[in-house]
């Protein structure tokens, strides 16, 4: 983005601004959105992985051979 200045004789002079700062200001909303989206997706993935049953989780515990008489 060029900024126009007028010299002493009335002729416009174009001066280039530093573009490194303007790029960050333009991309900042997209970066914030991307990071928030990644956080939501990571949370959903963790919840899905925790909900998957473990193999062998349906097996009944083996009795230890002790008999309790009342």
Protein backbone atom coordinates (compact mmCIF):
# COMPACT_ATOMS: atom_id res chain seq x y z
CA UNK A 1 0.00 0.00 0.00
CA UNK A 2 1.58 3.25 -1.08
CA UNK A 3 1.18 6.52 0.75
CA UNK A 4 1.17 9.71 -1.28
CA UNK A 5 2.98 12.79 -0.06
CA UNK A 6 3.06 16.16 -1.80
CA UNK A 7 6.43 17.86 -2.21
CA UNK A 8 7.01 21.61 -2.11
CA UNK A 9 6.06 22.07 -5.79
CA UNK A 10 2.73 20.22 -5.51
CA UNK A 11 3.88 17.00 -7.17
CA UNK A 12 2.77 13.82 -5.44
CA UNK A 13 5.51 11.50 -4.19
CA UNK A 14 4.70 7.85 -3.50
CA UNK A 15 6.45 6.23 -0.57
CA UNK A 16 6.30 2.48 0.06
CA UNK A 17 5.41 1.49 3.61
CA UNK A 18 6.84 -1.47 5.44
CA UNK A 19 4.61 -4.37 4.45
CA UNK A 20 5.65 -6.79 7.19
CA UNK A 21 3.40 -5.15 9.77
CA UNK A 22 0.38 -4.87 7.50
CA UNK A 23 0.49 -8.56 6.56
CA UNK A 24 0.19 -9.61 10.21
CA UNK A 25 -2.73 -7.23 10.77
CA UNK A 26 -4.52 -8.66 7.74
CA UNK A 27 -3.90 -12.32 8.62
CA UNK A 28 -4.43 -12.08 12.41
CA UNK A 29 -8.20 -12.88 12.36
CA UNK A 30 -7.60 -15.94 10.18
CA UNK A 31 -4.78 -17.17 12.41
CA UNK A 32 -6.91 -16.76 15.54
CA UNK A 33 -9.80 -18.58 13.87
CA UNK A 34 -7.49 -21.40 12.79
CA UNK A 35 -6.04 -21.86 16.27
CA UNK A 36 -9.47 -21.90 17.90
CA UNK A 37 -10.68 -24.40 15.31
CA UNK A 38 -7.70 -26.67 15.94
CA UNK A 39 -8.42 -26.56 19.68
CA UNK A 40 -12.05 -27.55 19.13
CA UNK A 41 -11.06 -30.36 16.78
CA UNK A 42 -8.45 -31.65 19.23
CA UNK A 43 -11.02 -31.70 22.04
CA UNK A 44 -13.48 -33.59 19.86
CA UNK A 45 -10.80 -36.11 18.86
CA UNK A 46 -9.86 -36.72 22.49
CA UNK A 47 -13.54 -37.26 23.39
CA UNK A 48 -13.96 -39.73 20.51
CA UNK A 49 -10.84 -41.69 21.46
CA UNK A 50 -11.96 -41.89 25.10
CA UNK A 51 -15.39 -43.16 24.03
CA UNK A 52 -13.96 -46.10 22.04
CA UNK A 53 -14.15 -49.24 24.19
CA UNK A 54 -10.89 -50.94 25.06
CA UNK A 55 -10.34 -54.44 23.64
CA UNK A 56 -11.02 -57.06 26.27
CA UNK A 57 -13.02 -54.67 28.39
CA UNK A 58 -16.12 -56.87 28.16
CA UNK A 59 -14.49 -59.82 29.91
CA UNK A 60 -15.71 -60.64 33.38
CA UNK A 61 -13.12 -60.58 36.11
CA UNK A 62 -11.77 -64.02 36.97
CA UNK A 63 -12.82 -65.32 40.37
CA UNK A 64 -9.95 -65.63 42.80
CA UNK A 65 -11.24 -68.93 44.26
CA UNK A 66 -12.30 -67.54 47.64
CA UNK A 67 -15.71 -68.44 48.97
CA UNK A 68 -17.46 -66.10 51.36
CA UNK A 69 -19.99 -67.81 53.64
CA UNK A 70 -22.49 -65.79 55.56
